[in-house]
Amino acid sequence: MSAECYQFNDKVYLYEVCPFTSIKQFESGSFVGYLGKWDRWENGIQLYSNGMTCLQGSIAQSRINLSCGLSNSILSVQETVKCVWDFSMTTPAACTTSMLAELEDLLKITSASP
């Protein structure tokens, strides 16, 4: 998961998450700033800190909550507090072996349906 970057477009901003490196924000194709640089794990959540300075003077930070999924994908992005972004992502890395098997079986069933 750490060798690639993943993007999410919410119609206003494009977010680019490069796990264990940084999170960037773009608007209309132009770089806006860093929403954080990799810091640490805390209670199973990836923390990114030391991002851009926001309008009110605080420093941007982001949190990524990872859940089990068949692919590395950003599901949502929310600025929950001024200058703090919460990302929800799926990744096979967050799955147990049995969880992955269940997801793969579900995918087979869904794919076989007319």
Protein backbone atom coordinates (compact mmCIF):
# COMPACT_ATOMS: atom_id res chain seq x y z
CA MET A 1 0.00 0.00 0.00
CA SER A 2 2.87 2.41 0.62
CA ALA A 3 4.27 2.40 -2.94
CA GLU A 4 1.22 4.07 -4.54
CA CYS A 5 -0.88 7.19 -4.10
CA TYR A 6 -4.68 7.21 -4.09
CA GLN A 7 -7.04 9.99 -5.11
CA PHE A 8 -10.53 11.09 -4.11
CA ASN A 9 -12.51 13.83 -5.85
CA ASP A 10 -15.37 15.47 -3.95
CA LYS A 11 -16.27 17.84 -6.84
CA VAL A 12 -14.56 20.81 -5.16
CA TYR A 13 -11.23 19.34 -4.14
CA LEU A 14 -9.06 16.48 -5.25
CA TYR A 15 -7.27 14.73 -2.40
CA GLU A 16 -4.14 12.65 -2.91
CA VAL A 17 -3.11 10.21 -0.20
CA CYS A 18 0.37 8.72 -0.41
CA PRO A 19 0.39 6.33 2.56
CA PHE A 20 3.26 6.75 4.99
CA THR A 21 4.34 9.90 3.10
CA SER A 22 1.83 12.76 2.78
CA ILE A 23 -1.68 13.95 1.96
CA LYS A 24 -2.19 16.75 -0.57
CA GLN A 25 -5.18 18.85 -1.58
CA PHE A 26 -5.80 20.28 -5.07
CA GLU A 27 -8.46 22.68 -6.37
CA SER A 28 -9.20 23.07 -10.09
CA GLY A 29 -6.00 21.18 -10.88
CA SER A 30 -3.80 23.48 -8.78
CA PHE A 31 -1.95 22.41 -5.66
CA VAL A 32 -3.53 23.95 -2.54
CA GLY A 33 -1.33 22.47 0.15
CA TYR A 34 -0.34 19.60 2.37
CA LEU A 35 -3.00 18.28 4.72
CA GLY A 36 -0.29 16.51 6.64
CA LYS A 37 2.87 14.47 6.46
CA TRP A 38 3.16 10.96 7.88
CA ASP A 39 3.56 11.06 11.64
CA ARG A 40 2.52 7.85 13.42
CA TRP A 41 -0.05 5.19 14.20
CA GLU A 42 -2.41 5.88 17.09
CA ASN A 43 -5.07 3.35 18.13
CA GLY A 44 -5.12 1.82 14.64
CA ILE A 45 -5.49 5.18 12.87
CA GLN A 46 -2.82 6.72 10.65
CA LEU A 47 -1.96 10.26 11.76
CA TYR A 48 -0.52 12.93 9.47
CA SER A 49 0.62 16.25 10.93
CA ASN A 50 2.65 19.37 10.08
CA GLY A 51 0.57 20.27 7.04
CA MET A 52 -0.14 23.73 5.62
CA THR A 53 -1.07 26.69 7.82
CA CYS A 54 -4.82 27.21 7.68
CA LEU A 55 -6.57 30.59 7.57
CA GLN A 56 -7.12 30.75 11.34
CA GLY A 57 -3.45 29.95 11.95
CA SER A 58 -3.65 26.29 12.97
CA ILE A 59 -1.58 23.62 11.22
CA ALA A 60 -3.38 21.09 9.01
CA GLN A 61 -3.57 17.51 10.15
CA SER A 62 -5.31 14.40 8.87
CA ARG A 63 -6.40 11.02 10.15
CA ILE A 64 -6.95 7.89 8.07
CA ASN A 65 -9.27 5.21 9.36
CA LEU A 66 -8.56 1.96 7.51
CA SER A 67 -11.10 -0.82 7.09
CA CYS A 68 -11.09 -4.17 5.33
CA GLY A 69 -11.76 -4.08 1.58
CA LEU A 70 -10.74 -5.85 -1.61
CA SER A 71 -8.91 -2.80 -2.94
CA ASN A 72 -7.00 0.25 -1.72
CA SER A 73 -9.63 2.96 -2.03
CA ILE A 74 -10.64 6.25 -0.42
CA LEU A 75 -14.33 6.13 0.50
CA SER A 76 -14.79 9.58 1.99
CA VAL A 77 -13.08 12.75 3.18
CA GLN A 78 -14.51 15.17 5.73
CA GLU A 79 -13.11 18.27 7.37
CA THR A 80 -14.61 17.41 10.77
CA VAL A 81 -13.00 20.31 12.60
CA LYS A 82 -11.37 23.37 11.04
CA CYS A 83 -8.05 22.25 9.58
CA VAL A 84 -8.53 18.57 10.56
CA TRP A 85 -9.47 16.07 7.84
CA ASP A 86 -10.77 12.55 8.40
CA PHE A 87 -10.27 10.02 5.61
CA SER A 88 -12.00 6.67 5.39
CA MET A 89 -10.13 4.09 3.30
CA THR A 90 -10.39 0.41 2.53
CA THR A 91 -7.42 -1.89 2.02
CA PRO A 92 -6.79 -5.64 1.99
CA ALA A 93 -4.02 -4.91 4.51
CA ALA A 94 -6.71 -4.26 7.15
CA CYS A 95 -8.36 -7.66 6.59
CA THR A 96 -7.87 -10.94 8.32
CA THR A 97 -7.57 -14.01 6.10
CA SER A 98 -11.16 -15.03 6.86
CA MET A 99 -12.49 -11.52 6.11
CA LEU A 100 -10.77 -11.54 2.70
CA ALA A 101 -12.19 -14.98 1.91
CA GLU A 102 -15.71 -13.74 2.76
CA LEU A 103 -15.28 -10.66 0.56
CA GLU A 104 -13.96 -12.73 -2.34
CA ASP A 105 -16.91 -15.16 -2.01
CA LEU A 106 -19.35 -12.24 -1.97
CA LEU A 107 -17.70 -10.79 -5.07
CA LYS A 108 -18.02 -14.15 -6.87
CA ILE A 109 -21.73 -14.32 -5.99
CA THR A 110 -22.34 -10.74 -7.09
CA SER A 111 -20.43 -11.27 -10.35
CA ALA A 112 -22.37 -14.46 -11.15
CA SER A 113 -25.79 -12.79 -10.68
CA PRO A 114 -27.64 -11.89 -13.91
